[in-house]
Amino acid sequence: MVCSCRLRRPSSLIDTNWFWCYNYSMNKDKVNDIIQWTGTFFILAMYVLMNFFRELGLDPVCGLLGGLCYALWAYRVSNKPQMLVNVVAIAVCLTGLVKTFN
């Protein structure tokens, strides 16, 4: 489906209705879904690295990225318990990174 603002001619050289095209194709729910699925990917990658490739030492990196994605999502949807869980997870992953690379 094509955004309706692309079908009409812009009224000036600077089209001020670009926001409506963005809002039509990428609304807040879609962005939240993308953030959640990205976080899910990194958390699952962390578990795979932790169980099968422990010698690489990259599982804290994936855990940190997954935690950051979920913290961003929790902030966007105002989910305070999930924010707390993610702040603790990020702290644990940062501690693991310091331990791994020192």
C-alpha atoms as a PDB file:
ATOM      1  CA  MET A   1       0.000   0.000   0.000  1.00  0.00           C
ATOM      2  CA  VAL A   2       1.382   3.409  -0.952  1.00  0.00           C
ATOM      3  CA  CYS A   3       1.277   6.324   1.429  1.00  0.00           C
ATOM      4  CA  SER A   4      -1.334   8.823   0.299  1.00  0.00           C
ATOM      5  CA  CYS A   5       1.019  11.771   0.722  1.00  0.00           C
ATOM      6  CA  ARG A   6       3.233  10.333  -2.018  1.00  0.00           C
ATOM      7  CA  LEU A   7       0.359  10.381  -4.462  1.00  0.00           C
ATOM      8  CA  ARG A   8      -0.177  14.136  -4.327  1.00  0.00           C
ATOM      9  CA  ARG A   9       2.142  16.848  -5.474  1.00  0.00           C
ATOM     10  CA  PRO A  10       4.097  18.713  -2.781  1.00  0.00           C
ATOM     11  CA  SER A  11       2.846  22.235  -2.277  1.00  0.00           C
ATOM     12  CA  SER A  12       6.356  23.666  -1.940  1.00  0.00           C
ATOM     13  CA  LEU A  13       9.956  22.702  -2.466  1.00  0.00           C
ATOM     14  CA  ILE A  14      10.119  21.475   1.123  1.00  0.00           C
ATOM     15  CA  ASP A  15       7.417  18.902   1.767  1.00  0.00           C
ATOM     16  CA  THR A  16       6.360  19.332   5.381  1.00  0.00           C
ATOM     17  CA  ASN A  17       4.122  16.271   5.353  1.00  0.00           C
ATOM     18  CA  TRP A  18       6.971  13.719   5.477  1.00  0.00           C
ATOM     19  CA  PHE A  19       5.995  12.931   9.061  1.00  0.00           C
ATOM     20  CA  TRP A  20       2.650  11.559   7.960  1.00  0.00           C
ATOM     21  CA  CYS A  21       4.387   9.154   5.570  1.00  0.00           C
ATOM     22  CA  TYR A  22       6.632   7.975   8.401  1.00  0.00           C
ATOM     23  CA  ASN A  23       3.678   7.711  10.733  1.00  0.00           C
ATOM     24  CA  TYR A  24       1.731   5.718   8.151  1.00  0.00           C
ATOM     25  CA  SER A  25       4.422   3.138   7.463  1.00  0.00           C
ATOM     26  CA  MET A  26       6.318   2.994  10.789  1.00  0.00           C
ATOM     27  CA  ASN A  27       4.054   3.599  13.749  1.00  0.00           C
ATOM     28  CA  LYS A  28       5.078   3.280  17.387  1.00  0.00           C
ATOM     29  CA  ASP A  29       3.877  -0.322  17.670  1.00  0.00           C
ATOM     30  CA  LYS A  30       5.975  -1.447  14.712  1.00  0.00           C
ATOM     31  CA  VAL A  31       9.073   0.234  16.132  1.00  0.00           C
ATOM     32  CA  ASN A  32       8.406  -1.407  19.501  1.00  0.00           C
ATOM     33  CA  ASP A  33       8.065  -4.793  17.786  1.00  0.00           C
ATOM     34  CA  ILE A  34      11.373  -4.307  15.958  1.00  0.00           C
ATOM     35  CA  ILE A  35      13.113  -3.378  19.228  1.00  0.00           C
ATOM     36  CA  GLN A  36      11.642  -6.423  20.997  1.00  0.00           C
ATOM     37  CA  TRP A  37      12.610  -8.860  18.225  1.00  0.00           C
ATOM     38  CA  THR A  38      16.124  -7.422  18.088  1.00  0.00           C
ATOM     39  CA  GLY A  39      16.435  -7.884  21.845  1.00  0.00           C
ATOM     40  CA  THR A  40      15.109 -11.433  21.529  1.00  0.00           C
ATOM     41  CA  PHE A  41      17.720 -12.218  18.868  1.00  0.00           C
ATOM     42  CA  PHE A  42      20.566 -10.990  21.084  1.00  0.00           C
ATOM     43  CA  ILE A  43      19.285 -12.827  24.170  1.00  0.00           C
ATOM     44  CA  LEU A  44      18.983 -16.087  22.215  1.00  0.00           C
ATOM     45  CA  ALA A  45      22.448 -15.522  20.708  1.00  0.00           C
ATOM     46  CA  MET A  46      23.746 -15.042  24.262  1.00  0.00           C
ATOM     47  CA  TYR A  47      22.351 -18.433  25.305  1.00  0.00           C
ATOM     48  CA  VAL A  48      23.847 -20.160  22.261  1.00  0.00           C
ATOM     49  CA  LEU A  49      27.252 -18.564  22.871  1.00  0.00           C
ATOM     50  CA  MET A  50      27.074 -19.327  26.597  1.00  0.00           C
ATOM     51  CA  ASN A  51      26.291 -23.016  26.058  1.00  0.00           C
ATOM     52  CA  PHE A  52      28.179 -23.953  22.899  1.00  0.00           C
ATOM     53  CA  PHE A  53      30.932 -21.354  22.384  1.00  0.00           C
ATOM     54  CA  ARG A  54      31.956 -20.351  25.906  1.00  0.00           C
ATOM     55  CA  GLU A  55      35.612 -19.978  24.887  1.00  0.00           C
ATOM     56  CA  LEU A  56      34.757 -16.954  22.725  1.00  0.00           C
ATOM     57  CA  GLY A  57      33.655 -14.940  25.766  1.00  0.00           C
ATOM     58  CA  LEU A  58      31.116 -12.947  23.753  1.00  0.00           C
ATOM     59  CA  ASP A  59      27.979 -13.987  25.615  1.00  0.00           C
ATOM     60  CA  PRO A  60      28.099 -10.909  27.893  1.00  0.00           C
ATOM     61  CA  VAL A  61      28.203  -8.672  24.806  1.00  0.00           C
ATOM     62  CA  CYS A  62      25.053 -10.254  23.361  1.00  0.00           C
ATOM     63  CA  GLY A  63      23.396 -10.151  26.781  1.00  0.00           C
ATOM     64  CA  LEU A  64      24.225  -6.461  27.098  1.00  0.00           C
ATOM     65  CA  LEU A  65      22.826  -5.664  23.637  1.00  0.00           C
ATOM     66  CA  GLY A  66      19.682  -7.677  24.347  1.00  0.00           C
ATOM     67  CA  GLY A  67      19.262  -5.981  27.709  1.00  0.00           C
ATOM     68  CA  LEU A  68      19.687  -2.559  26.136  1.00  0.00           C
ATOM     69  CA  CYS A  69      17.033  -3.338  23.517  1.00  0.00           C
ATOM     70  CA  TYR A  70      14.600  -4.528  26.168  1.00  0.00           C
ATOM     71  CA  ALA A  71      15.387  -1.551  28.411  1.00  0.00           C
ATOM     72  CA  LEU A  72      14.640   0.785  25.508  1.00  0.00           C
ATOM     73  CA  TRP A  73      11.397  -1.064  24.805  1.00  0.00           C
ATOM     74  CA  ALA A  74      10.397  -1.006  28.494  1.00  0.00           C
ATOM     75  CA  TYR A  75      11.047   2.736  28.621  1.00  0.00           C
ATOM     76  CA  ARG A  76       8.970   3.320  25.471  1.00  0.00           C
ATOM     77  CA  VAL A  77       5.967   1.381  26.827  1.00  0.00           C
ATOM     78  CA  SER A  78       6.448   2.559  30.463  1.00  0.00           C
ATOM     79  CA  ASN A  79       6.833  -0.950  31.863  1.00  0.00           C
ATOM     80  CA  LYS A  80       8.609  -0.209  35.170  1.00  0.00           C
ATOM     81  CA  PRO A  81       9.116  -3.819  36.405  1.00  0.00           C
ATOM     82  CA  GLN A  82      10.698  -4.750  33.079  1.00  0.00           C
ATOM     83  CA  MET A  83      12.941  -1.668  33.285  1.00  0.00           C
ATOM     84  CA  LEU A  84      14.214  -2.847  36.676  1.00  0.00           C
ATOM     85  CA  VAL A  85      14.921  -6.347  35.368  1.00  0.00           C
ATOM     86  CA  ASN A  86      16.817  -4.908  32.409  1.00  0.00           C
ATOM     87  CA  VAL A  87      18.894  -2.513  34.511  1.00  0.00           C
ATOM     88  CA  VAL A  88      19.983  -5.447  36.704  1.00  0.00           C
ATOM     89  CA  ALA A  89      20.693  -7.588  33.605  1.00  0.00           C
ATOM     90  CA  ILE A  90      22.773  -4.790  32.062  1.00  0.00           C
ATOM     91  CA  ALA A  91      24.757  -4.426  35.305  1.00  0.00           C
ATOM     92  CA  VAL A  92      25.430  -8.179  35.387  1.00  0.00           C
ATOM     93  CA  CYS A  93      26.528  -8.172  31.739  1.00  0.00           C
ATOM     94  CA  LEU A  94      28.827  -5.189  32.275  1.00  0.00           C
ATOM     95  CA  THR A  95      30.381  -6.987  35.242  1.00  0.00           C
ATOM     96  CA  GLY A  96      30.859 -10.055  33.040  1.00  0.00           C
ATOM     97  CA  LEU A  97      32.496  -7.963  30.337  1.00  0.00           C
ATOM     98  CA  VAL A  98      34.915  -6.426  32.822  1.00  0.00           C
ATOM     99  CA  LYS A  99      35.714  -9.890  34.167  1.00  0.00           C
ATOM    100  CA  THR A 100      36.133 -11.358  30.668  1.00  0.00           C
ATOM    101  CA  PHE A 101      38.366  -8.703  29.148  1.00  0.00           C
ATOM    102  CA  ASN A 102      40.568  -7.912  32.208  1.00  0.00           C
END
